[in-house]
Amino acid sequence: MSPYHRCRRRRSQRGVYAIEYAMAFLLFFGLVYSIICYSIVFTFRFGLQNAAEDGARAALRHQTSLAARQLKAQEVAEQRSLGWKPADAVLTIPLPSICQTGSGNCLQPAGTLACDTSWAQRCHVSVTVRLSDLHRVLPPFPAFALPDELVGEAHVLLDGSRL
């Protein structure tokens, strides 16, 4: 091969490294960016779950009534959530539900519920913590890939002997 052909071949290869670098950079940048976005989502979800579990544990503490347990569980879940909640996201913590395990009857706002040590009369508390409008908080990413709402939920069986 003559020196002229070798020189011509080198000139035709100029810029190939830049194109390969650009393609590899886009792939790796996309991978790192998606890892960061999903780690933010998992962090929020972990915080919601911890807040719901703390609220459910608070319902286990002795209170004067089942309604007081509900309020205490909601209060503790809200306190645990407010420390890390993003400012633009909407946090919703509805009043926890207390229901009988066997019959499915739930405590009504003005009513009473008979909880006892028997399995059919045993009650459980369900605490739900919901974080919505996450599109305001999360980095820009395709809408189908990231959720707009996250939910943390915890259920605890009440000990009927201490009610």
C-alpha atoms as a PDB file:
ATOM      1  CA  MET A   1       0.000   0.000   0.000  1.00  0.00           C
ATOM      2  CA  SER A   2       1.433   3.335  -0.958  1.00  0.00           C
ATOM      3  CA  PRO A   3       1.968   6.144   1.562  1.00  0.00           C
ATOM      4  CA  TYR A   4      -0.621   8.184  -0.293  1.00  0.00           C
ATOM      5  CA  HIS A   5      -3.357   5.605   0.392  1.00  0.00           C
ATOM      6  CA  ARG A   6      -2.387   5.326   4.078  1.00  0.00           C
ATOM      7  CA  CYS A   7      -2.580   9.085   4.522  1.00  0.00           C
ATOM      8  CA  ARG A   8      -5.905   9.208   2.715  1.00  0.00           C
ATOM      9  CA  ARG A   9      -7.251   6.415   4.927  1.00  0.00           C
ATOM     10  CA  ARG A  10      -6.233   8.278   8.098  1.00  0.00           C
ATOM     11  CA  ARG A  11      -8.010  11.413   6.920  1.00  0.00           C
ATOM     12  CA  SER A  12     -11.200   9.469   6.272  1.00  0.00           C
ATOM     13  CA  GLN A  13     -11.095   8.160   9.874  1.00  0.00           C
ATOM     14  CA  ARG A  14     -10.865  11.595  11.467  1.00  0.00           C
ATOM     15  CA  GLY A  15     -13.779  12.348  13.799  1.00  0.00           C
ATOM     16  CA  VAL A  16     -14.725   8.709  14.300  1.00  0.00           C
ATOM     17  CA  TYR A  17     -13.449   8.794  17.873  1.00  0.00           C
ATOM     18  CA  ALA A  18     -15.539  11.861  18.601  1.00  0.00           C
ATOM     19  CA  ILE A  19     -18.666  10.165  17.255  1.00  0.00           C
ATOM     20  CA  GLU A  20     -17.973   6.995  19.265  1.00  0.00           C
ATOM     21  CA  TYR A  21     -17.364   9.079  22.376  1.00  0.00           C
ATOM     22  CA  ALA A  22     -20.608  10.996  21.877  1.00  0.00           C
ATOM     23  CA  MET A  23     -22.634   7.794  21.527  1.00  0.00           C
ATOM     24  CA  ALA A  24     -20.977   6.147  24.535  1.00  0.00           C
ATOM     25  CA  PHE A  25     -21.390   9.323  26.595  1.00  0.00           C
ATOM     26  CA  LEU A  26     -25.113   9.490  25.817  1.00  0.00           C
ATOM     27  CA  LEU A  27     -25.587   5.875  26.871  1.00  0.00           C
ATOM     28  CA  PHE A  28     -23.664   6.235  30.124  1.00  0.00           C
ATOM     29  CA  PHE A  29     -25.200   9.606  30.931  1.00  0.00           C
ATOM     30  CA  GLY A  30     -28.685   8.161  30.400  1.00  0.00           C
ATOM     31  CA  LEU A  31     -27.853   5.248  32.656  1.00  0.00           C
ATOM     32  CA  VAL A  32     -26.499   7.455  35.458  1.00  0.00           C
ATOM     33  CA  TYR A  33     -29.406   9.908  35.120  1.00  0.00           C
ATOM     34  CA  SER A  34     -31.996   7.131  35.374  1.00  0.00           C
ATOM     35  CA  ILE A  35     -30.218   5.658  38.417  1.00  0.00           C
ATOM     36  CA  ILE A  36     -30.349   9.064  40.133  1.00  0.00           C
ATOM     37  CA  CYS A  37     -34.043   9.570  39.296  1.00  0.00           C
ATOM     38  CA  TYR A  38     -35.053   6.146  40.551  1.00  0.00           C
ATOM     39  CA  SER A  39     -32.959   6.479  43.700  1.00  0.00           C
ATOM     40  CA  ILE A  40     -34.848   9.689  44.524  1.00  0.00           C
ATOM     41  CA  VAL A  41     -38.159   7.839  44.043  1.00  0.00           C
ATOM     42  CA  PHE A  42     -37.012   4.946  46.234  1.00  0.00           C
ATOM     43  CA  THR A  43     -35.839   7.364  48.922  1.00  0.00           C
ATOM     44  CA  PHE A  44     -39.243   9.068  48.999  1.00  0.00           C
ATOM     45  CA  ARG A  45     -41.006   5.693  49.059  1.00  0.00           C
ATOM     46  CA  PHE A  46     -38.800   4.490  51.912  1.00  0.00           C
ATOM     47  CA  GLY A  47     -39.597   7.646  53.916  1.00  0.00           C
ATOM     48  CA  LEU A  48     -43.333   7.193  53.336  1.00  0.00           C
ATOM     49  CA  GLN A  49     -43.195   3.574  54.443  1.00  0.00           C
ATOM     50  CA  ASN A  50     -41.265   4.469  57.589  1.00  0.00           C
ATOM     51  CA  ALA A  51     -43.751   7.218  58.450  1.00  0.00           C
ATOM     52  CA  ALA A  52     -46.691   4.817  58.002  1.00  0.00           C
ATOM     53  CA  GLU A  53     -45.012   2.151  60.137  1.00  0.00           C
ATOM     54  CA  ASP A  54     -44.207   4.648  62.891  1.00  0.00           C
ATOM     55  CA  GLY A  55     -47.812   5.811  62.853  1.00  0.00           C
ATOM     56  CA  ALA A  56     -49.049   2.227  63.103  1.00  0.00           C
ATOM     57  CA  ARG A  57     -46.694   1.552  66.015  1.00  0.00           C
ATOM     58  CA  ALA A  58     -48.014   4.669  67.748  1.00  0.00           C
ATOM     59  CA  ALA A  59     -51.512   3.173  67.578  1.00  0.00           C
ATOM     60  CA  LEU A  60     -50.242   0.256  69.658  1.00  0.00           C
ATOM     61  CA  ARG A  61     -49.444   2.520  72.599  1.00  0.00           C
ATOM     62  CA  HIS A  62     -52.091   2.702  75.276  1.00  0.00           C
ATOM     63  CA  GLN A  63     -54.741   5.357  74.656  1.00  0.00           C
ATOM     64  CA  THR A  64     -58.068   6.013  76.324  1.00  0.00           C
ATOM     65  CA  SER A  65     -60.112   4.995  73.264  1.00  0.00           C
ATOM     66  CA  LEU A  66     -59.833   3.668  69.730  1.00  0.00           C
ATOM     67  CA  ALA A  67     -60.491   7.144  68.351  1.00  0.00           C
ATOM     68  CA  ALA A  68     -57.537   8.444  70.380  1.00  0.00           C
ATOM     69  CA  ARG A  69     -55.394   5.695  68.844  1.00  0.00           C
ATOM     70  CA  GLN A  70     -56.452   6.829  65.382  1.00  0.00           C
ATOM     71  CA  LEU A  71     -55.546  10.443  66.089  1.00  0.00           C
ATOM     72  CA  LYS A  72     -52.197   9.492  67.644  1.00  0.00           C
ATOM     73  CA  ALA A  73     -51.305   7.288  64.656  1.00  0.00           C
ATOM     74  CA  GLN A  74     -52.169  10.094  62.231  1.00  0.00           C
ATOM     75  CA  GLU A  75     -50.218  12.653  64.263  1.00  0.00           C
ATOM     76  CA  VAL A  76     -47.071  10.511  64.463  1.00  0.00           C
ATOM     77  CA  ALA A  77     -47.202   9.639  60.742  1.00  0.00           C
ATOM     78  CA  GLU A  78     -47.500  13.331  59.905  1.00  0.00           C
ATOM     79  CA  GLN A  79     -44.608  14.309  62.195  1.00  0.00           C
ATOM     80  CA  ARG A  80     -42.336  11.665  60.655  1.00  0.00           C
ATOM     81  CA  SER A  81     -43.266  12.778  57.139  1.00  0.00           C
ATOM     82  CA  LEU A  82     -42.832  16.519  57.517  1.00  0.00           C
ATOM     83  CA  GLY A  83     -39.110  16.334  58.270  1.00  0.00           C
ATOM     84  CA  TRP A  84     -38.147  15.145  54.793  1.00  0.00           C
ATOM     85  CA  LYS A  85     -41.176  15.931  52.602  1.00  0.00           C
ATOM     86  CA  PRO A  86     -40.358  18.013  49.504  1.00  0.00           C
ATOM     87  CA  ALA A  87     -41.918  21.469  49.607  1.00  0.00           C
ATOM     88  CA  ASP A  88     -43.775  21.213  46.285  1.00  0.00           C
ATOM     89  CA  ALA A  89     -45.236  17.733  46.772  1.00  0.00           C
ATOM     90  CA  VAL A  90     -48.625  17.218  48.427  1.00  0.00           C
ATOM     91  CA  LEU A  91     -48.656  14.986  51.509  1.00  0.00           C
ATOM     92  CA  THR A  92     -51.972  13.352  52.457  1.00  0.00           C
ATOM     93  CA  ILE A  93     -52.482  11.314  55.613  1.00  0.00           C
ATOM     94  CA  PRO A  94     -56.116  10.277  56.025  1.00  0.00           C
ATOM     95  CA  LEU A  95     -57.418   9.207  59.416  1.00  0.00           C
ATOM     96  CA  PRO A  96     -56.196   5.637  59.974  1.00  0.00           C
ATOM     97  CA  SER A  97     -58.867   2.960  59.859  1.00  0.00           C
ATOM     98  CA  ILE A  98     -59.470   0.543  62.708  1.00  0.00           C
ATOM     99  CA  CYS A  99     -61.388  -2.541  61.609  1.00  0.00           C
ATOM    100  CA  GLN A 100     -62.316  -5.921  63.047  1.00  0.00           C
ATOM    101  CA  THR A 101     -60.337  -8.736  61.486  1.00  0.00           C
ATOM    102  CA  GLY A 102     -63.131 -11.283  61.283  1.00  0.00           C
ATOM    103  CA  SER A 103     -66.185  -9.228  60.325  1.00  0.00           C
ATOM    104  CA  GLY A 104     -64.597  -6.295  58.501  1.00  0.00           C
ATOM    105  CA  ASN A 105     -66.585  -3.753  60.553  1.00  0.00           C
ATOM    106  CA  CYS A 106     -64.682  -0.493  60.817  1.00  0.00           C
ATOM    107  CA  LEU A 107     -64.753   2.245  63.417  1.00  0.00           C
ATOM    108  CA  GLN A 108     -67.050   5.057  62.328  1.00  0.00           C
ATOM    109  CA  PRO A 109     -66.278   8.662  63.361  1.00  0.00           C
ATOM    110  CA  ALA A 110     -69.068   8.891  65.939  1.00  0.00           C
ATOM    111  CA  GLY A 111     -69.481   5.178  66.653  1.00  0.00           C
ATOM    112  CA  THR A 112     -67.827   2.484  68.694  1.00  0.00           C
ATOM    113  CA  LEU A 113     -66.236  -0.816  67.822  1.00  0.00           C
ATOM    114  CA  ALA A 114     -66.002  -3.914  70.015  1.00  0.00           C
ATOM    115  CA  CYS A 115     -62.429  -5.194  69.970  1.00  0.00           C
ATOM    116  CA  ASP A 116     -61.624  -8.281  72.025  1.00  0.00           C
ATOM    117  CA  THR A 117     -59.021 -11.028  72.362  1.00  0.00           C
ATOM    118  CA  SER A 118     -60.972 -13.559  70.257  1.00  0.00           C
ATOM    119  CA  TRP A 119     -59.841 -13.790  66.647  1.00  0.00           C
ATOM    120  CA  ALA A 120     -63.183 -12.689  65.182  1.00  0.00           C
ATOM    121  CA  GLN A 121     -63.285  -9.640  67.470  1.00  0.00           C
ATOM    122  CA  ARG A 122     -59.613  -8.673  67.107  1.00  0.00           C
ATOM    123  CA  CYS A 123     -58.968  -5.297  65.477  1.00  0.00           C
ATOM    124  CA  HIS A 124     -56.238  -3.991  63.204  1.00  0.00           C
ATOM    125  CA  VAL A 125     -55.057  -0.479  62.353  1.00  0.00           C
ATOM    126  CA  SER A 126     -54.235   0.586  58.792  1.00  0.00           C
ATOM    127  CA  VAL A 127     -52.158   3.738  58.291  1.00  0.00           C
ATOM    128  CA  THR A 128     -51.729   5.225  54.799  1.00  0.00           C
ATOM    129  CA  VAL A 129     -49.360   8.034  53.840  1.00  0.00           C
ATOM    130  CA  ARG A 130     -49.662   9.411  50.298  1.00  0.00           C
ATOM    131  CA  LEU A 131     -47.283  11.769  48.472  1.00  0.00           C
ATOM    132  CA  SER A 132     -48.600  13.192  45.200  1.00  0.00           C
ATOM    133  CA  ASP A 133     -47.601  15.789  42.569  1.00  0.00           C
ATOM    134  CA  LEU A 134     -44.115  14.312  42.333  1.00  0.00           C
ATOM    135  CA  HIS A 135     -43.653  15.677  38.811  1.00  0.00           C
ATOM    136  CA  ARG A 136     -42.918  19.039  40.469  1.00  0.00           C
ATOM    137  CA  VAL A 137     -40.122  17.551  42.577  1.00  0.00           C
ATOM    138  CA  LEU A 138     -38.451  14.876  40.473  1.00  0.00           C
ATOM    139  CA  PRO A 139     -35.903  15.688  37.767  1.00  0.00           C
ATOM    140  CA  PRO A 140     -37.272  15.818  34.226  1.00  0.00           C
ATOM    141  CA  PHE A 141     -37.740  12.296  32.933  1.00  0.00           C
ATOM    142  CA  PRO A 142     -40.277  10.675  30.592  1.00  0.00           C
ATOM    143  CA  ALA A 143     -43.676  10.702  32.282  1.00  0.00           C
ATOM    144  CA  PHE A 144     -44.318   7.003  31.736  1.00  0.00           C
ATOM    145  CA  ALA A 145     -41.164   6.016  33.640  1.00  0.00           C
ATOM    146  CA  LEU A 146     -41.684   7.794  36.971  1.00  0.00           C
ATOM    147  CA  PRO A 147     -44.791   7.768  39.180  1.00  0.00           C
ATOM    148  CA  ASP A 148     -46.735  10.901  40.052  1.00  0.00           C
ATOM    149  CA  GLU A 149     -47.872   9.454  43.378  1.00  0.00           C
ATOM    150  CA  LEU A 150     -46.265   7.245  46.032  1.00  0.00           C
ATOM    151  CA  VAL A 151     -48.044   5.435  48.862  1.00  0.00           C
ATOM    152  CA  GLY A 152     -46.728   4.014  52.125  1.00  0.00           C
ATOM    153  CA  GLU A 153     -49.024   1.692  54.020  1.00  0.00           C
ATOM    154  CA  ALA A 154     -48.738  -0.216  57.302  1.00  0.00           C
ATOM    155  CA  HIS A 155     -51.096  -2.572  59.137  1.00  0.00           C
ATOM    156  CA  VAL A 156     -50.828  -3.545  62.786  1.00  0.00           C
ATOM    157  CA  LEU A 157     -52.923  -6.033  64.741  1.00  0.00           C
ATOM    158  CA  LEU A 158     -54.142  -4.555  68.030  1.00  0.00           C
ATOM    159  CA  ASP A 159     -53.738  -6.627  71.140  1.00  0.00           C
ATOM    160  CA  GLY A 160     -57.258  -7.074  72.453  1.00  0.00           C
ATOM    161  CA  SER A 161     -56.217  -7.555  76.052  1.00  0.00           C
ATOM    162  CA  ARG A 162     -55.061  -3.940  76.367  1.00  0.00           C
ATOM    163  CA  LEU A 163     -58.073  -2.198  74.853  1.00  0.00           C
END
